[in-house]
Amino acid sequence: MNVEIEQPKKKNIFYRVLFRTPRPGFRADIQAMRALAVIAVVLYHLWPDKLLTGGFTGVDIFFVISGYLMTLHIVKGLEAGGFEKGKRLRFFANFYARRIRRLLPAAIFTLLLVLAILVVLLPKDYYTQSLTTAQIIASALFVQNWKLAADKVDYLAQNNEATAVQHFWSLSVEEQFYFIWPLLLMLFMLIGLALSAKIGNKLAEKADLKGYDAKQMKTRNVLRIFVFGFTLLFFIFGVYFTNANAAAAYFITPARLWELSIGGCIALSTPLIVLLTRKTGELSKFGRVVYEVLPFIGVGICLYGIMKFNSGIEAGFPGFYALVPTIGAAIIIWSGMQENEQRFTLQDVVDYTEVDGKKTSSSVA
């Protein structure tokens, strides 16, 4: 079921972004969010507590986007054949190889350039050289966030003097997430297959989505349950640890995982447009209002955090406060999802038949 959404006649960038002019494989709203997040973070560090006082929340917006896109990529790869026994190792090897090729050369070049500039400009400042070199090594190993936490750096403190590579901490968090997330999704799918006969029956029966058989829906719902549960568990931990040690919680991966997995929850959710058109196959007047207004609500929530938050909330961030930018980003992503953008059948995952006593996949991947 593909629903045609009437687009505004005006074609300027404002309308192209907010109303998502169709273009295969491209989400203008996500690109706009990325731009907003980058601008917010840059301006915050140029003029902290003066212009965009909550610009640091741009990192949280990025985390949600990254979790969403990575979950889409992983699950689609698994259902396209990567889950099949005998192909799993190759899937993971290819996945991690792509991450290395994409990030490592640019990261190493940047870090070496920073080190060279540091030696040239500050040849006798041995303290700065020593501190920055240690962080360069940590950044190259993608453990910069743990290094900063161990050094008791307070990111939001007004007297915080960042090194040239301090901001690699967020990339370190993402790379650690990318390392464990494919393995966790694989594990959740395996559990889903094992429990598909026991869990999700009612959900599968109620799910009125053509093209999904009961076993696929059960497996997918088990996957959703585990991802949502994972998110809730680490959100609770993040709130607890923020209350105990906010400075360290800002950096450490366990306190940030829930922000990335929120994107995973959205990736596994039924698109808004499908929910609004499920009964009649077209948007009602109310449905059209919801579809067109909800992205603005998400933008408003993100802008509230960017403009109203400040370093004064450092004792509670990232805890409950981090819900503001993450929920805002999640609303924008979810309301912009199209049916053909995310429609997991999980057929390759569940469609196994017994042939000569051996399990083989009957799908073509």
Protein backbone atom coordinates (compact mmCIF):
# COMPACT_ATOMS: atom_id res chain seq x y z
CA MET A 1 0.00 0.00 0.00
CA ASN A 2 1.69 3.18 -1.19
CA VAL A 3 -0.07 6.36 -0.14
CA GLU A 4 0.37 9.45 -2.28
CA ILE A 5 0.81 12.55 -0.14
CA GLU A 6 -0.11 15.81 -1.82
CA GLN A 7 2.89 18.10 -1.80
CA PRO A 8 2.72 21.89 -1.50
CA LYS A 9 3.07 23.85 -4.71
CA LYS A 10 5.96 25.88 -3.33
CA LYS A 11 9.30 24.19 -3.91
CA ASN A 12 11.71 26.19 -1.77
CA ILE A 13 14.05 24.41 0.64
CA PHE A 14 11.73 25.00 3.61
CA TYR A 15 8.93 23.01 2.04
CA ARG A 16 11.21 20.38 0.53
CA VAL A 17 12.59 19.62 3.99
CA LEU A 18 9.41 19.78 6.06
CA PHE A 19 7.18 17.98 3.58
CA ARG A 20 9.80 15.46 2.50
CA THR A 21 9.63 15.75 -1.28
CA PRO A 22 10.07 12.11 -2.37
CA ARG A 23 13.49 11.04 -3.56
CA PRO A 24 14.51 7.37 -3.36
CA GLY A 25 16.81 6.62 -0.44
CA PHE A 26 16.98 10.24 0.74
CA ARG A 27 15.48 11.76 3.88
CA ALA A 28 15.66 15.55 3.67
CA ASP A 29 14.31 15.88 7.19
CA ILE A 30 17.16 13.77 8.59
CA GLN A 31 19.72 15.81 6.66
CA ALA A 32 18.14 18.97 8.05
CA MET A 33 18.35 17.56 11.58
CA ARG A 34 22.02 16.76 11.06
CA ALA A 35 22.66 20.33 9.91
CA LEU A 36 20.76 21.72 12.90
CA ALA A 37 22.72 19.51 15.30
CA VAL A 38 26.10 20.51 13.82
CA ILE A 39 25.28 24.22 13.89
CA ALA A 40 24.00 23.96 17.46
CA VAL A 41 27.15 22.21 18.72
CA VAL A 42 29.54 24.54 16.87
CA LEU A 43 27.82 27.73 18.06
CA TYR A 44 27.64 26.40 21.60
CA HIS A 45 31.39 25.88 21.71
CA LEU A 46 32.14 29.21 20.06
CA TRP A 47 29.92 31.18 22.45
CA PRO A 48 28.96 28.93 25.40
CA ASP A 49 26.04 30.16 27.47
CA LYS A 50 25.56 33.17 25.19
CA LEU A 51 23.86 32.19 21.92
CA LEU A 52 22.53 28.64 21.75
CA THR A 53 22.99 27.76 25.40
CA GLY A 54 21.77 24.19 24.92
CA GLY A 55 23.70 23.56 21.72
CA PHE A 56 25.38 20.57 23.33
CA THR A 57 22.08 18.67 22.86
CA GLY A 58 22.93 18.47 19.16
CA VAL A 59 25.02 15.42 20.09
CA ASP A 60 21.91 13.71 21.47
CA ILE A 61 20.05 14.39 18.22
CA PHE A 62 22.93 12.80 16.34
CA PHE A 63 22.80 9.72 18.57
CA VAL A 64 19.13 9.10 17.72
CA ILE A 65 19.76 9.54 13.99
CA SER A 66 22.75 7.19 14.10
CA GLY A 67 20.83 4.53 16.01
CA TYR A 68 17.95 4.72 13.55
CA LEU A 69 20.03 4.49 10.38
CA MET A 70 22.31 1.78 11.77
CA THR A 71 19.39 -0.39 12.89
CA LEU A 72 17.75 -0.08 9.47
CA HIS A 73 21.00 -1.07 7.80
CA ILE A 74 21.69 -4.03 10.09
CA VAL A 75 18.21 -5.53 10.09
CA LYS A 76 17.84 -5.18 6.34
CA GLY A 77 21.22 -6.85 5.93
CA LEU A 78 20.26 -9.69 8.23
CA GLU A 79 16.92 -10.30 6.55
CA ALA A 80 18.58 -10.18 3.12
CA GLY A 81 20.67 -13.21 3.90
CA GLY A 82 23.09 -12.18 6.61
CA PHE A 83 21.15 -14.12 9.23
CA GLU A 84 21.41 -17.42 7.39
CA LYS A 85 23.62 -19.93 9.14
CA GLY A 86 26.97 -20.03 7.38
CA LYS A 87 26.70 -16.42 6.23
CA ARG A 88 26.62 -14.70 9.62
CA LEU A 89 30.39 -14.44 10.01
CA ARG A 90 30.71 -12.95 6.53
CA PHE A 91 27.94 -10.45 7.30
CA PHE A 92 29.67 -9.23 10.45
CA ALA A 93 33.09 -9.13 8.75
CA ASN A 94 31.71 -7.03 5.90
CA PHE A 95 29.84 -4.75 8.30
CA TYR A 96 32.87 -4.00 10.46
CA ALA A 97 35.14 -3.68 7.43
CA ARG A 98 32.85 -0.99 6.00
CA ARG A 99 32.93 0.91 9.29
CA ILE A 100 36.73 0.78 9.37
CA ARG A 101 37.09 1.91 5.76
CA ARG A 102 34.66 4.74 6.27
CA LEU A 103 35.99 6.20 9.51
CA LEU A 104 39.53 5.10 10.30
CA PRO A 105 41.50 6.81 7.49
CA ALA A 106 39.89 10.22 8.06
CA ALA A 107 40.12 9.87 11.85
CA ILE A 108 43.81 8.90 11.82
CA PHE A 109 44.66 11.68 9.37
CA THR A 110 42.89 14.26 11.56
CA LEU A 111 44.54 13.04 14.75
CA LEU A 112 48.03 13.04 13.20
CA LEU A 113 47.44 16.52 11.81
CA VAL A 114 46.42 17.77 15.26
CA LEU A 115 49.53 16.21 16.78
CA ALA A 116 51.79 17.85 14.17
CA ILE A 117 50.20 21.28 14.66
CA LEU A 118 50.50 20.89 18.43
CA VAL A 119 54.24 20.19 18.21
CA VAL A 120 54.82 23.13 15.85
CA LEU A 121 52.73 25.73 17.70
CA LEU A 122 53.43 24.66 21.29
CA PRO A 123 56.91 23.11 21.21
CA LYS A 124 57.64 23.77 24.90
CA ASP A 125 54.17 23.30 26.39
CA TYR A 126 54.85 19.77 27.55
CA TYR A 127 51.76 19.57 29.73
CA THR A 128 49.40 20.33 26.84
CA GLN A 129 51.37 18.04 24.55
CA SER A 130 51.20 15.19 27.05
CA LEU A 131 47.49 15.66 27.77
CA THR A 132 46.53 15.98 24.11
CA THR A 133 48.73 13.07 23.00
CA ALA A 134 47.09 10.77 25.55
CA GLN A 135 43.67 11.82 24.23
CA ILE A 136 44.81 11.38 20.62
CA ILE A 137 45.76 7.77 21.40
CA ALA A 138 42.43 7.23 23.16
CA SER A 139 40.58 8.76 20.20
CA ALA A 140 42.43 6.54 17.71
CA LEU A 141 41.30 3.52 19.74
CA PHE A 142 37.75 4.94 20.02
CA VAL A 143 37.83 4.99 23.83
CA GLN A 144 38.13 8.76 24.22
CA ASN A 145 34.89 8.93 26.20
CA TRP A 146 36.25 6.54 28.84
CA LYS A 147 39.53 8.50 28.98
CA LEU A 148 37.64 11.73 29.68
CA ALA A 149 35.48 10.07 32.31
CA ALA A 150 38.57 8.60 34.01
CA ASP A 151 40.22 12.05 33.98
CA LYS A 152 37.09 13.50 35.67
CA VAL A 153 36.50 16.00 32.86
CA ASP A 154 33.27 17.98 33.31
CA TYR A 155 32.07 18.69 29.77
CA LEU A 156 29.39 21.20 30.78
CA ALA A 157 31.47 23.07 33.35
CA GLN A 158 32.14 26.68 32.36
CA ASN A 159 35.80 26.32 33.33
CA ASN A 160 36.30 23.24 31.15
CA GLU A 161 39.24 23.76 28.80
CA ALA A 162 38.84 21.25 26.01
CA THR A 163 41.77 19.78 24.12
CA ALA A 164 41.79 19.79 20.34
CA VAL A 165 40.45 16.21 20.26
CA GLN A 166 38.07 16.17 23.21
CA HIS A 167 35.09 16.08 20.89
CA PHE A 168 36.09 12.67 19.59
CA TRP A 169 34.26 11.32 22.64
CA SER A 170 30.91 11.19 20.84
CA LEU A 171 32.44 9.31 17.90
CA SER A 172 33.89 6.83 20.41
CA VAL A 173 30.43 6.24 21.89
CA GLU A 174 28.95 5.65 18.45
CA GLU A 175 31.68 3.24 17.39
CA GLN A 176 31.30 1.22 20.59
CA PHE A 177 27.55 1.07 19.90
CA TYR A 178 28.19 -0.02 16.31
CA PHE A 179 30.41 -2.82 17.60
CA ILE A 180 27.85 -4.37 19.96
CA TRP A 181 24.56 -3.50 18.22
CA PRO A 182 24.75 -5.97 15.28
CA LEU A 183 25.62 -8.75 17.72
CA LEU A 184 22.72 -7.83 20.00
CA LEU A 185 20.24 -7.66 17.12
CA MET A 186 21.42 -11.07 15.94
CA LEU A 187 20.97 -12.42 19.46
CA PHE A 188 17.51 -10.87 19.76
CA MET A 189 16.50 -12.46 16.44
CA LEU A 190 17.73 -15.87 17.55
CA ILE A 191 15.72 -15.55 20.75
CA GLY A 192 12.77 -14.36 18.68
CA LEU A 193 12.89 -17.52 16.59
CA ALA A 194 13.09 -19.67 19.70
CA LEU A 195 10.14 -17.93 21.34
CA SER A 196 8.07 -17.17 18.25
CA ALA A 197 5.62 -19.96 19.08
CA LYS A 198 5.05 -18.57 22.58
CA ILE A 199 5.31 -14.79 22.36
CA GLY A 200 3.59 -12.35 20.08
CA ASN A 201 0.55 -14.43 19.05
CA LYS A 202 -1.98 -11.77 19.95
CA LEU A 203 0.15 -9.00 18.50
CA ALA A 204 0.57 -10.95 15.26
CA GLU A 205 -3.16 -11.57 14.97
CA LYS A 206 -4.01 -7.91 15.56
CA ALA A 207 -1.37 -6.59 13.17
CA ASP A 208 -3.34 -5.90 10.00
CA LEU A 209 -0.36 -5.56 7.67
CA LYS A 210 -0.61 -7.38 4.37
CA GLY A 211 2.43 -9.33 3.37
CA TYR A 212 3.41 -10.47 6.87
CA ASP A 213 2.77 -14.03 7.92
CA ALA A 214 2.20 -14.94 11.57
CA LYS A 215 5.69 -16.34 12.21
CA GLN A 216 7.37 -13.29 10.73
CA MET A 217 5.23 -10.98 12.84
CA LYS A 218 5.93 -12.98 16.00
CA THR A 219 9.67 -12.83 15.39
CA ARG A 220 9.55 -9.14 14.62
CA ASN A 221 7.50 -8.41 17.73
CA VAL A 222 9.95 -10.33 19.89
CA LEU A 223 12.73 -8.26 18.33
CA ARG A 224 10.79 -5.10 19.16
CA ILE A 225 10.21 -6.23 22.73
CA PHE A 226 13.91 -6.82 23.32
CA VAL A 227 15.01 -3.55 21.69
CA PHE A 228 12.42 -1.54 23.63
CA GLY A 229 13.36 -3.38 26.82
CA PHE A 230 17.06 -2.74 26.19
CA THR A 231 16.31 0.96 25.72
CA LEU A 232 14.27 1.19 28.90
CA LEU A 233 16.89 -0.68 30.94
CA PHE A 234 19.74 1.58 29.90
CA PHE A 235 17.59 4.69 30.25
CA ILE A 236 16.99 3.76 33.89
CA PHE A 237 20.71 3.16 34.33
CA GLY A 238 21.50 6.49 32.65
CA VAL A 239 19.19 8.40 34.98
CA TYR A 240 20.59 6.60 38.03
CA PHE A 241 24.23 7.11 37.07
CA THR A 242 23.64 10.75 36.14
CA ASN A 243 22.30 11.37 39.62
CA ALA A 244 25.34 9.60 41.08
CA ASN A 245 28.06 11.10 38.87
CA ALA A 246 26.82 13.48 36.17
CA ALA A 247 30.28 14.39 34.85
CA ALA A 248 31.19 10.76 34.15
CA ALA A 249 27.68 9.89 32.95
CA TYR A 250 28.03 12.49 30.21
CA PHE A 251 30.77 10.41 28.58
CA ILE A 252 30.42 6.73 29.43
CA THR A 253 28.74 4.48 26.90
CA PRO A 254 26.25 2.66 29.19
CA ALA A 255 24.70 5.99 30.20
CA ARG A 256 24.30 6.94 26.51
CA LEU A 257 23.27 3.65 24.92
CA TRP A 258 19.55 4.31 25.36
CA GLU A 259 19.77 7.43 23.17
CA LEU A 260 21.14 5.42 20.26
CA SER A 261 18.72 2.54 20.81
CA ILE A 262 15.80 4.98 20.74
CA GLY A 263 16.65 5.29 17.06
CA GLY A 264 16.52 1.50 16.89
CA CYS A 265 13.05 1.55 18.43
CA ILE A 266 11.88 3.97 15.74
CA ALA A 267 13.44 1.84 13.00
CA LEU A 268 11.43 -1.16 14.20
CA SER A 269 8.20 0.78 14.70
CA THR A 270 5.30 0.85 12.27
CA PRO A 271 5.55 4.09 10.23
CA LEU A 272 3.09 6.84 11.17
CA ILE A 273 1.72 6.99 7.62
CA VAL A 274 0.80 3.28 7.83
CA LEU A 275 -1.01 3.75 11.12
CA LEU A 276 -2.95 6.74 9.75
CA THR A 277 -4.02 4.94 6.55
CA ARG A 278 -4.44 1.38 7.80
CA LYS A 279 -8.26 1.31 7.83
CA THR A 280 -9.20 3.32 4.73
CA GLY A 281 -6.02 3.31 2.65
CA GLU A 282 -5.93 7.10 2.58
CA LEU A 283 -5.38 10.01 4.92
CA SER A 284 -8.42 11.48 6.67
CA LYS A 285 -8.55 15.20 7.44
CA PHE A 286 -7.42 14.49 10.99
CA GLY A 287 -4.73 12.14 9.74
CA ARG A 288 -3.39 14.77 7.36
CA VAL A 289 -3.19 17.29 10.19
CA VAL A 290 -1.31 14.80 12.35
CA TYR A 291 1.03 13.84 9.50
CA GLU A 292 1.89 17.44 8.66
CA VAL A 293 1.95 18.92 12.17
CA LEU A 294 3.87 16.23 14.05
CA PRO A 295 7.25 17.03 12.42
CA PHE A 296 6.88 20.65 13.55
CA ILE A 297 6.25 19.44 17.10
CA GLY A 298 9.45 17.40 16.94
CA VAL A 299 11.40 20.40 15.63
CA GLY A 300 9.94 22.57 18.38
CA ILE A 301 11.01 20.10 21.06
CA CYS A 302 14.56 19.96 19.67
CA LEU A 303 14.77 23.75 19.45
CA TYR A 304 13.52 24.09 23.02
CA GLY A 305 16.44 22.02 24.27
CA ILE A 306 18.95 23.85 22.05
CA MET A 307 17.76 27.31 23.07
CA LYS A 308 16.62 26.87 26.67
CA PHE A 309 19.02 24.37 28.20
CA ASN A 310 22.30 25.64 29.62
CA SER A 311 25.28 24.40 31.61
CA GLY A 312 23.24 24.97 34.76
CA ILE A 313 21.54 21.59 34.19
CA GLU A 314 24.85 19.74 34.27
CA ALA A 315 23.84 17.91 37.46
CA GLY A 316 20.95 16.28 35.61
CA PHE A 317 22.31 15.71 32.11
CA PRO A 318 22.18 13.24 30.46
CA GLY A 319 19.31 11.97 32.58
CA PHE A 320 15.69 12.92 32.24
CA TYR A 321 16.77 16.15 30.52
CA ALA A 322 18.19 14.15 27.59
CA LEU A 323 14.66 13.00 26.80
CA VAL A 324 13.96 16.42 25.27
CA PRO A 325 16.33 16.30 22.28
CA THR A 326 15.99 12.53 21.83
CA ILE A 327 12.19 12.48 21.81
CA GLY A 328 12.12 15.50 19.51
CA ALA A 329 14.46 13.78 17.05
CA ALA A 330 12.54 10.51 17.32
CA ILE A 331 9.24 12.26 16.49
CA ILE A 332 10.73 13.86 13.38
CA ILE A 333 12.19 10.57 12.14
CA TRP A 334 9.08 8.51 12.87
CA SER A 335 6.64 10.97 11.32
CA GLY A 336 8.73 11.08 8.14
CA MET A 337 9.02 7.31 7.64
CA GLN A 338 7.36 5.92 4.53
CA GLU A 339 5.98 2.40 4.24
CA ASN A 340 8.51 1.28 1.63
CA GLU A 341 11.36 2.77 3.67
CA GLN A 342 10.93 0.34 6.53
CA ARG A 343 8.99 -2.83 5.92
CA PHE A 344 10.84 -5.74 7.41
CA THR A 345 9.41 -9.11 6.47
CA LEU A 346 12.23 -10.99 8.25
CA GLN A 347 11.50 -13.71 5.70
CA ASP A 348 15.10 -14.86 5.44
CA VAL A 349 15.27 -14.99 9.22
CA VAL A 350 12.22 -17.17 9.77
CA ASP A 351 11.70 -19.05 6.51
CA TYR A 352 13.64 -22.23 7.20
CA THR A 353 12.67 -25.71 6.05
CA GLU A 354 14.01 -29.14 6.86
CA VAL A 355 15.85 -30.74 3.93
CA ASP A 356 17.55 -34.07 4.57
CA GLY A 357 17.64 -33.30 8.26
CA LYS A 358 19.43 -29.99 7.73
CA LYS A 359 18.06 -26.49 8.18
CA THR A 360 18.29 -24.40 5.05
CA SER A 361 16.81 -21.06 4.10
CA SER A 362 14.26 -21.17 1.30
CA SER A 363 14.59 -17.47 0.58
CA VAL A 364 16.82 -16.09 -2.11
CA ALA A 365 19.43 -13.65 -0.82
